Amino acid sequence: MELSATTILVTFAGVFLICFMKGAFGGGFAIVGIPLLSLVMDPVTAGGLLAPLFIAMDLFGLRYWKPSTWSKPDLVLLVPGLVAGIGAGYLLFTVLDHRAIAILMAAITLAFVGLWLLRGGEVVVRPRSSTKAVAAGVASGITTMVAHSGGPPLAMYLLTLGLGKQVYAGTTSMFFTVGNLIKAVPWLALARPQGNVWILMAICLLAIPSGVWLGWRLHARLDQRQMYKACYGLLVITAVKLLWDGVSGYLG
């Protein structure tokens, strides 16, 4: 990959946007920044570039999303499914039809948001369910491994629990901290970054402190209702991006 000024600026902007989302919502919406990276590199190279950067973002994010912001009962239910999902995603990476997975996840996500809109934008709080939590963890693990898009399955579970905005973001942050640590090794094995990719990775590390901090500042300004509305809005953006990736893959 050529290390041009355009490649550096576009990649830096994409990583900064992902960091901002990490600071504002705890993670899970990395796919919002990935379209920028796709302008200057292929998806596998982007995955290898982001895998170590996700870990750096997560570790820096723990400065804001401390253990007091984690919903530990939910993490106990979610994380085993996440680990299993990442393992399954790695094993199936070369045989899965990524386009079909993207379309299916987009359809499920849009249906979830559609139901929320039919309820007038009100969140219906449901009791914690171990079955739904494990299913959300597995689905998130598979989609985060395959396409760095593990946010929707997790959000569809957590948004129905009525968690406080800090607990929602902190739980999401810790969930993806575990996930990104686990998937870094298989992603590096699949992508095998070399030369300029490592240099670009080092440059993008500079985006992490300011990106996460600015996102956290936005989080502090949002009240509970605004936070949840923003999350549902981001689910729509994520779903549309997944749908576009899937459909354009078939058409192209």
C-alpha atoms as a PDB file:
ATOM      1  CA  MET A   1       0.000   0.000   0.000  1.00  0.00           C
ATOM      2  CA  GLU A   2       1.359   3.399  -1.006  1.00  0.00           C
ATOM      3  CA  LEU A   3       1.805   5.757   1.942  1.00  0.00           C
ATOM      4  CA  SER A   4       0.603   8.940   0.253  1.00  0.00           C
ATOM      5  CA  ALA A   5      -0.611  12.116   1.941  1.00  0.00           C
ATOM      6  CA  THR A   6      -4.175  11.266   0.893  1.00  0.00           C
ATOM      7  CA  THR A   7      -3.944   7.782   2.406  1.00  0.00           C
ATOM      8  CA  ILE A   8      -2.609   9.185   5.676  1.00  0.00           C
ATOM      9  CA  LEU A   9      -5.232  11.963   5.957  1.00  0.00           C
ATOM     10  CA  VAL A  10      -8.204   9.778   5.025  1.00  0.00           C
ATOM     11  CA  THR A  11      -7.137   6.929   7.327  1.00  0.00           C
ATOM     12  CA  PHE A  12      -6.415   9.325  10.197  1.00  0.00           C
ATOM     13  CA  ALA A  13      -9.882  10.865   9.768  1.00  0.00           C
ATOM     14  CA  GLY A  14     -11.515   7.432   9.785  1.00  0.00           C
ATOM     15  CA  VAL A  15      -9.683   6.335  12.923  1.00  0.00           C
ATOM     16  CA  PHE A  16     -10.475   9.658  14.620  1.00  0.00           C
ATOM     17  CA  LEU A  17     -14.189   9.160  13.892  1.00  0.00           C
ATOM     18  CA  ILE A  18     -14.088   5.644  15.341  1.00  0.00           C
ATOM     19  CA  CYS A  19     -12.330   6.986  18.453  1.00  0.00           C
ATOM     20  CA  PHE A  20     -14.981   9.679  18.784  1.00  0.00           C
ATOM     21  CA  MET A  21     -17.728   7.042  18.667  1.00  0.00           C
ATOM     22  CA  LYS A  22     -15.832   5.026  21.263  1.00  0.00           C
ATOM     23  CA  GLY A  23     -15.731   7.983  23.622  1.00  0.00           C
ATOM     24  CA  ALA A  24     -19.366   8.964  23.070  1.00  0.00           C
ATOM     25  CA  PHE A  25     -21.085   5.575  23.062  1.00  0.00           C
ATOM     26  CA  GLY A  26     -18.564   3.094  24.441  1.00  0.00           C
ATOM     27  CA  GLY A  27     -17.864   1.419  21.105  1.00  0.00           C
ATOM     28  CA  GLY A  28     -19.730  -0.873  18.776  1.00  0.00           C
ATOM     29  CA  PHE A  29     -20.153   1.626  15.946  1.00  0.00           C
ATOM     30  CA  ALA A  30     -16.723   1.330  14.314  1.00  0.00           C
ATOM     31  CA  ILE A  31     -18.426   0.652  10.998  1.00  0.00           C
ATOM     32  CA  VAL A  32     -19.391   4.347  10.853  1.00  0.00           C
ATOM     33  CA  GLY A  33     -15.735   5.256  10.265  1.00  0.00           C
ATOM     34  CA  ILE A  34     -14.774   2.311   8.072  1.00  0.00           C
ATOM     35  CA  PRO A  35     -16.201   3.773   4.813  1.00  0.00           C
ATOM     36  CA  LEU A  36     -13.434   6.383   4.929  1.00  0.00           C
ATOM     37  CA  LEU A  37     -10.788   3.667   5.173  1.00  0.00           C
ATOM     38  CA  SER A  38     -12.380   1.822   2.250  1.00  0.00           C
ATOM     39  CA  LEU A  39     -11.523   4.796   0.033  1.00  0.00           C
ATOM     40  CA  VAL A  40      -7.797   4.111   0.337  1.00  0.00           C
ATOM     41  CA  MET A  41      -7.442   0.385   1.149  1.00  0.00           C
ATOM     42  CA  ASP A  42      -9.173  -2.962   0.777  1.00  0.00           C
ATOM     43  CA  PRO A  43     -11.346  -4.341   3.621  1.00  0.00           C
ATOM     44  CA  VAL A  44      -8.845  -6.986   4.773  1.00  0.00           C
ATOM     45  CA  THR A  45      -6.018  -4.451   5.006  1.00  0.00           C
ATOM     46  CA  ALA A  46      -8.343  -2.115   6.914  1.00  0.00           C
ATOM     47  CA  GLY A  47      -9.217  -4.937   9.314  1.00  0.00           C
ATOM     48  CA  GLY A  48      -5.555  -5.663   9.999  1.00  0.00           C
ATOM     49  CA  LEU A  49      -4.842  -1.967  10.503  1.00  0.00           C
ATOM     50  CA  LEU A  50      -7.723  -1.488  12.927  1.00  0.00           C
ATOM     51  CA  ALA A  51      -7.242  -4.623  15.048  1.00  0.00           C
ATOM     52  CA  PRO A  52      -4.337  -3.252  17.162  1.00  0.00           C
ATOM     53  CA  LEU A  53      -5.771   0.286  17.090  1.00  0.00           C
ATOM     54  CA  PHE A  54      -9.025  -0.964  18.627  1.00  0.00           C
ATOM     55  CA  ILE A  55      -7.049  -2.276  21.600  1.00  0.00           C
ATOM     56  CA  ALA A  56      -5.312   1.078  22.063  1.00  0.00           C
ATOM     57  CA  MET A  57      -8.682   2.873  21.868  1.00  0.00           C
ATOM     58  CA  ASP A  58     -10.207   0.494  24.405  1.00  0.00           C
ATOM     59  CA  LEU A  59      -7.363   0.866  26.876  1.00  0.00           C
ATOM     60  CA  PHE A  60      -7.513   4.640  26.621  1.00  0.00           C
ATOM     61  CA  GLY A  61     -11.300   4.527  26.902  1.00  0.00           C
ATOM     62  CA  LEU A  62     -11.038   2.742  30.256  1.00  0.00           C
ATOM     63  CA  ARG A  63      -9.863   6.094  31.613  1.00  0.00           C
ATOM     64  CA  TYR A  64     -13.480   7.229  31.249  1.00  0.00           C
ATOM     65  CA  TRP A  65     -15.458   3.970  31.342  1.00  0.00           C
ATOM     66  CA  LYS A  66     -14.339   2.705  34.739  1.00  0.00           C
ATOM     67  CA  PRO A  67     -15.652  -0.488  36.450  1.00  0.00           C
ATOM     68  CA  SER A  68     -18.357   1.555  38.176  1.00  0.00           C
ATOM     69  CA  THR A  69     -19.966   2.077  34.736  1.00  0.00           C
ATOM     70  CA  TRP A  70     -20.100  -1.639  33.844  1.00  0.00           C
ATOM     71  CA  SER A  71     -23.244  -3.735  34.207  1.00  0.00           C
ATOM     72  CA  LYS A  72     -21.400  -6.778  35.503  1.00  0.00           C
ATOM     73  CA  PRO A  73     -24.423  -9.141  35.526  1.00  0.00           C
ATOM     74  CA  ASP A  74     -24.906  -8.477  31.805  1.00  0.00           C
ATOM     75  CA  LEU A  75     -21.208  -8.844  30.986  1.00  0.00           C
ATOM     76  CA  VAL A  76     -21.171 -12.220  32.734  1.00  0.00           C
ATOM     77  CA  LEU A  77     -23.920 -13.346  30.349  1.00  0.00           C
ATOM     78  CA  LEU A  78     -22.631 -11.607  27.214  1.00  0.00           C
ATOM     79  CA  VAL A  79     -18.885 -12.300  27.198  1.00  0.00           C
ATOM     80  CA  PRO A  80     -18.959 -16.134  26.874  1.00  0.00           C
ATOM     81  CA  GLY A  81     -21.174 -15.773  23.798  1.00  0.00           C
ATOM     82  CA  LEU A  82     -18.829 -13.109  22.429  1.00  0.00           C
ATOM     83  CA  VAL A  83     -15.828 -15.414  22.762  1.00  0.00           C
ATOM     84  CA  ALA A  84     -17.684 -18.263  21.063  1.00  0.00           C
ATOM     85  CA  GLY A  85     -18.883 -15.942  18.301  1.00  0.00           C
ATOM     86  CA  ILE A  86     -15.395 -14.652  17.538  1.00  0.00           C
ATOM     87  CA  GLY A  87     -14.118 -18.208  17.348  1.00  0.00           C
ATOM     88  CA  ALA A  88     -16.926 -19.182  14.998  1.00  0.00           C
ATOM     89  CA  GLY A  89     -16.400 -16.057  12.925  1.00  0.00           C
ATOM     90  CA  TYR A  90     -12.708 -16.848  12.488  1.00  0.00           C
ATOM     91  CA  LEU A  91     -13.352 -20.461  11.504  1.00  0.00           C
ATOM     92  CA  LEU A  92     -16.050 -19.455   9.022  1.00  0.00           C
ATOM     93  CA  PHE A  93     -14.331 -16.309   7.710  1.00  0.00           C
ATOM     94  CA  THR A  94     -13.210 -17.869   4.441  1.00  0.00           C
ATOM     95  CA  VAL A  95     -16.456 -19.726   3.742  1.00  0.00           C
ATOM     96  CA  LEU A  96     -19.106 -17.297   4.981  1.00  0.00           C
ATOM     97  CA  ASP A  97     -20.915 -15.179   2.417  1.00  0.00           C
ATOM     98  CA  HIS A  98     -20.155 -11.803   3.946  1.00  0.00           C
ATOM     99  CA  ARG A  99     -22.716 -10.108   1.710  1.00  0.00           C
ATOM    100  CA  ALA A 100     -25.585 -12.279   2.919  1.00  0.00           C
ATOM    101  CA  ILE A 101     -24.563 -11.759   6.562  1.00  0.00           C
ATOM    102  CA  ALA A 102     -24.457  -7.997   6.034  1.00  0.00           C
ATOM    103  CA  ILE A 103     -27.942  -7.959   4.447  1.00  0.00           C
ATOM    104  CA  LEU A 104     -29.418 -10.181   7.177  1.00  0.00           C
ATOM    105  CA  MET A 105     -27.949  -8.061   9.982  1.00  0.00           C
ATOM    106  CA  ALA A 106     -29.164  -4.885   8.267  1.00  0.00           C
ATOM    107  CA  ALA A 107     -32.702  -6.257   7.958  1.00  0.00           C
ATOM    108  CA  ILE A 108     -32.831  -7.345  11.623  1.00  0.00           C
ATOM    109  CA  THR A 109     -31.452  -3.997  12.796  1.00  0.00           C
ATOM    110  CA  LEU A 110     -33.905  -1.963  10.707  1.00  0.00           C
ATOM    111  CA  ALA A 111     -36.801  -4.086  11.986  1.00  0.00           C
ATOM    112  CA  PHE A 112     -35.661  -3.440  15.567  1.00  0.00           C
ATOM    113  CA  VAL A 113     -35.496   0.316  14.981  1.00  0.00           C
ATOM    114  CA  GLY A 114     -38.832   0.191  13.148  1.00  0.00           C
ATOM    115  CA  LEU A 115     -40.526  -1.345  16.194  1.00  0.00           C
ATOM    116  CA  TRP A 116     -39.027   1.403  18.353  1.00  0.00           C
ATOM    117  CA  LEU A 117     -40.450   4.048  16.016  1.00  0.00           C
ATOM    118  CA  LEU A 118     -43.880   2.374  16.068  1.00  0.00           C
ATOM    119  CA  ARG A 119     -43.812   2.726  19.859  1.00  0.00           C
ATOM    120  CA  GLY A 120     -43.322   6.456  19.429  1.00  0.00           C
ATOM    121  CA  GLY A 121     -39.623   6.387  20.224  1.00  0.00           C
ATOM    122  CA  GLU A 122     -40.197   5.004  23.699  1.00  0.00           C
ATOM    123  CA  VAL A 123     -37.905   2.302  25.084  1.00  0.00           C
ATOM    124  CA  VAL A 124     -39.787  -0.710  26.428  1.00  0.00           C
ATOM    125  CA  VAL A 125     -37.784  -2.050  29.355  1.00  0.00           C
ATOM    126  CA  ARG A 126     -37.665  -5.837  29.463  1.00  0.00           C
ATOM    127  CA  PRO A 127     -36.215  -8.125  32.139  1.00  0.00           C
ATOM    128  CA  ARG A 128     -32.714  -9.504  31.740  1.00  0.00           C
ATOM    129  CA  SER A 129     -32.682 -12.748  29.737  1.00  0.00           C
ATOM    130  CA  SER A 130     -29.718 -15.118  29.779  1.00  0.00           C
ATOM    131  CA  THR A 131     -30.844 -16.691  26.486  1.00  0.00           C
ATOM    132  CA  LYS A 132     -31.089 -13.340  24.697  1.00  0.00           C
ATOM    133  CA  ALA A 133     -27.796 -12.190  26.211  1.00  0.00           C
ATOM    134  CA  VAL A 134     -25.905 -15.265  25.005  1.00  0.00           C
ATOM    135  CA  ALA A 135     -27.500 -14.965  21.550  1.00  0.00           C
ATOM    136  CA  ALA A 136     -26.533 -11.275  21.391  1.00  0.00           C
ATOM    137  CA  GLY A 137     -22.979 -12.109  22.441  1.00  0.00           C
ATOM    138  CA  VAL A 138     -22.594 -14.832  19.807  1.00  0.00           C
ATOM    139  CA  ALA A 139     -24.092 -12.683  17.034  1.00  0.00           C
ATOM    140  CA  SER A 140     -21.915  -9.749  18.012  1.00  0.00           C
ATOM    141  CA  GLY A 141     -18.814 -11.947  18.098  1.00  0.00           C
ATOM    142  CA  ILE A 142     -19.447 -13.302  14.607  1.00  0.00           C
ATOM    143  CA  THR A 143     -20.229  -9.926  13.050  1.00  0.00           C
ATOM    144  CA  THR A 144     -17.364  -8.111  14.768  1.00  0.00           C
ATOM    145  CA  MET A 145     -14.943 -10.765  13.529  1.00  0.00           C
ATOM    146  CA  VAL A 146     -16.309 -10.828   9.999  1.00  0.00           C
ATOM    147  CA  ALA A 147     -17.006  -7.134   9.417  1.00  0.00           C
ATOM    148  CA  HIS A 148     -16.115  -5.047  12.514  1.00  0.00           C
ATOM    149  CA  SER A 149     -19.862  -4.546  12.956  1.00  0.00           C
ATOM    150  CA  GLY A 150     -20.637  -6.144  16.298  1.00  0.00           C
ATOM    151  CA  GLY A 151     -22.531  -3.129  17.609  1.00  0.00           C
ATOM    152  CA  PRO A 152     -26.107  -3.848  16.452  1.00  0.00           C
ATOM    153  CA  PRO A 153     -26.613  -7.237  18.188  1.00  0.00           C
ATOM    154  CA  LEU A 154     -25.266  -5.878  21.475  1.00  0.00           C
ATOM    155  CA  ALA A 155     -27.265  -2.641  21.222  1.00  0.00           C
ATOM    156  CA  MET A 156     -30.478  -4.532  20.482  1.00  0.00           C
ATOM    157  CA  TYR A 157     -30.018  -6.362  23.792  1.00  0.00           C
ATOM    158  CA  LEU A 158     -28.754  -3.542  26.020  1.00  0.00           C
ATOM    159  CA  LEU A 159     -31.160  -0.852  24.778  1.00  0.00           C
ATOM    160  CA  THR A 160     -34.125  -2.878  26.084  1.00  0.00           C
ATOM    161  CA  LEU A 161     -32.758  -3.070  29.636  1.00  0.00           C
ATOM    162  CA  GLY A 162     -33.257   0.597  30.484  1.00  0.00           C
ATOM    163  CA  LEU A 163     -29.675   1.068  31.666  1.00  0.00           C
ATOM    164  CA  GLY A 164     -28.428   4.516  32.631  1.00  0.00           C
ATOM    165  CA  LYS A 165     -26.483   6.218  29.843  1.00  0.00           C
ATOM    166  CA  GLN A 166     -23.107   5.809  31.566  1.00  0.00           C
ATOM    167  CA  VAL A 167     -23.771   2.162  32.404  1.00  0.00           C
ATOM    168  CA  TYR A 168     -24.876   1.504  28.821  1.00  0.00           C
ATOM    169  CA  ALA A 169     -21.715   3.086  27.401  1.00  0.00           C
ATOM    170  CA  GLY A 170     -19.408   1.561  30.028  1.00  0.00           C
ATOM    171  CA  THR A 171     -20.820  -1.943  29.524  1.00  0.00           C
ATOM    172  CA  THR A 172     -20.503  -1.585  25.758  1.00  0.00           C
ATOM    173  CA  SER A 173     -16.929  -0.356  26.157  1.00  0.00           C
ATOM    174  CA  MET A 174     -15.868  -3.265  28.344  1.00  0.00           C
ATOM    175  CA  PHE A 175     -17.637  -5.789  26.103  1.00  0.00           C
ATOM    176  CA  PHE A 176     -15.695  -4.625  23.054  1.00  0.00           C
ATOM    177  CA  THR A 177     -12.458  -4.291  25.007  1.00  0.00           C
ATOM    178  CA  VAL A 178     -12.637  -8.039  25.610  1.00  0.00           C
ATOM    179  CA  GLY A 179     -13.735  -8.710  22.043  1.00  0.00           C
ATOM    180  CA  ASN A 180     -11.037  -6.593  20.429  1.00  0.00           C
ATOM    181  CA  LEU A 181      -8.309  -8.187  22.543  1.00  0.00           C
ATOM    182  CA  ILE A 182      -9.446 -11.639  21.434  1.00  0.00           C
ATOM    183  CA  LYS A 183      -9.921 -10.903  17.745  1.00  0.00           C
ATOM    184  CA  ALA A 184      -6.656  -8.981  17.271  1.00  0.00           C
ATOM    185  CA  VAL A 185      -4.554 -12.134  16.850  1.00  0.00           C
ATOM    186  CA  PRO A 186      -6.783 -13.853  14.256  1.00  0.00           C
ATOM    187  CA  TRP A 187      -7.231 -10.601  12.336  1.00  0.00           C
ATOM    188  CA  LEU A 188      -3.481 -10.008  12.203  1.00  0.00           C
ATOM    189  CA  ALA A 189      -3.047 -13.592  11.025  1.00  0.00           C
ATOM    190  CA  LEU A 190      -5.616 -13.065   8.282  1.00  0.00           C
ATOM    191  CA  ALA A 191      -4.430  -9.625   7.147  1.00  0.00           C
ATOM    192  CA  ARG A 192      -0.680  -9.962   7.800  1.00  0.00           C
ATOM    193  CA  PRO A 193       0.095  -6.185   7.921  1.00  0.00           C
ATOM    194  CA  GLN A 194       3.455  -5.203   6.474  1.00  0.00           C
ATOM    195  CA  GLY A 195       5.661  -2.166   5.999  1.00  0.00           C
ATOM    196  CA  ASN A 196       3.563   0.914   5.347  1.00  0.00           C
ATOM    197  CA  VAL A 197       0.530  -0.473   7.185  1.00  0.00           C
ATOM    198  CA  TRP A 198       2.502  -0.549  10.450  1.00  0.00           C
ATOM    199  CA  ILE A 199       3.749   2.992   9.817  1.00  0.00           C
ATOM    200  CA  LEU A 200       0.202   4.167   9.127  1.00  0.00           C
ATOM    201  CA  MET A 201      -0.956   2.393  12.284  1.00  0.00           C
ATOM    202  CA  ALA A 202       1.642   4.272  14.343  1.00  0.00           C
ATOM    203  CA  ILE A 203       0.552   7.614  12.861  1.00  0.00           C
ATOM    204  CA  CYS A 204      -3.107   6.885  13.646  1.00  0.00           C
ATOM    205  CA  LEU A 205      -2.281   6.264  17.303  1.00  0.00           C
ATOM    206  CA  LEU A 206      -2.081  10.055  17.585  1.00  0.00           C
ATOM    207  CA  ALA A 207      -5.824  10.300  16.856  1.00  0.00           C
ATOM    208  CA  ILE A 208      -6.840   8.229  19.875  1.00  0.00           C
ATOM    209  CA  PRO A 209      -6.514  10.601  22.873  1.00  0.00           C
ATOM    210  CA  SER A 210      -8.298  13.569  21.292  1.00  0.00           C
ATOM    211  CA  GLY A 211     -10.911  11.446  19.507  1.00  0.00           C
ATOM    212  CA  VAL A 212     -11.963   9.503  22.608  1.00  0.00           C
ATOM    213  CA  TRP A 213     -11.899  12.636  24.780  1.00  0.00           C
ATOM    214  CA  LEU A 214     -14.105  14.641  22.396  1.00  0.00           C
ATOM    215  CA  GLY A 215     -16.547  11.745  22.197  1.00  0.00           C
ATOM    216  CA  TRP A 216     -16.675  11.533  25.977  1.00  0.00           C
ATOM    217  CA  ARG A 217     -17.385  15.276  26.140  1.00  0.00           C
ATOM    218  CA  LEU A 218     -20.359  14.772  23.824  1.00  0.00           C
ATOM    219  CA  HIS A 219     -21.586  11.910  26.014  1.00  0.00           C
ATOM    220  CA  ALA A 220     -21.489  14.187  29.059  1.00  0.00           C
ATOM    221  CA  ARG A 221     -23.699  16.737  27.285  1.00  0.00           C
ATOM    222  CA  LEU A 222     -26.393  14.231  26.239  1.00  0.00           C
ATOM    223  CA  ASP A 223     -29.206  13.422  28.616  1.00  0.00           C
ATOM    224  CA  GLN A 224     -30.622   9.905  28.889  1.00  0.00           C
ATOM    225  CA  ARG A 225     -33.277  10.335  26.209  1.00  0.00           C
ATOM    226  CA  GLN A 226     -30.887  12.025  23.768  1.00  0.00           C
ATOM    227  CA  MET A 227     -28.352   9.256  24.322  1.00  0.00           C
ATOM    228  CA  TYR A 228     -30.836   6.538  23.450  1.00  0.00           C
ATOM    229  CA  LYS A 229     -32.123   8.450  20.414  1.00  0.00           C
ATOM    230  CA  ALA A 230     -28.546   8.839  19.190  1.00  0.00           C
ATOM    231  CA  CYS A 231     -27.954   5.100  19.601  1.00  0.00           C
ATOM    232  CA  TYR A 232     -31.061   4.245  17.586  1.00  0.00           C
ATOM    233  CA  GLY A 233     -30.011   6.738  14.926  1.00  0.00           C
ATOM    234  CA  LEU A 234     -26.584   5.142  14.729  1.00  0.00           C
ATOM    235  CA  LEU A 235     -28.218   1.742  14.363  1.00  0.00           C
ATOM    236  CA  VAL A 236     -30.007   3.029  11.265  1.00  0.00           C
ATOM    237  CA  ILE A 237     -26.742   4.383   9.807  1.00  0.00           C
ATOM    238  CA  THR A 238     -25.007   1.093  10.552  1.00  0.00           C
ATOM    239  CA  ALA A 239     -27.838  -0.935   9.013  1.00  0.00           C
ATOM    240  CA  VAL A 240     -27.877   1.170   5.845  1.00  0.00           C
ATOM    241  CA  LYS A 241     -24.102   0.769   5.518  1.00  0.00           C
ATOM    242  CA  LEU A 242     -24.374  -3.016   5.975  1.00  0.00           C
ATOM    243  CA  LEU A 243     -27.228  -3.191   3.476  1.00  0.00           C
ATOM    244  CA  TRP A 244     -25.236  -1.183   0.948  1.00  0.00           C
ATOM    245  CA  ASP A 245     -22.167  -3.390   1.400  1.00  0.00           C
ATOM    246  CA  GLY A 246     -24.221  -6.551   0.947  1.00  0.00           C
ATOM    247  CA  VAL A 247     -26.308  -5.467  -2.038  1.00  0.00           C
ATOM    248  CA  SER A 248     -23.474  -3.710  -3.863  1.00  0.00           C
ATOM    249  CA  GLY A 249     -21.336  -6.819  -3.353  1.00  0.00           C
ATOM    250  CA  TYR A 250     -23.886  -8.913  -5.253  1.00  0.00           C
ATOM    251  CA  LEU A 251     -24.442  -6.295  -7.935  1.00  0.00           C
ATOM    252  CA  GLY A 252     -20.724  -5.631  -8.385  1.00  0.00           C
END
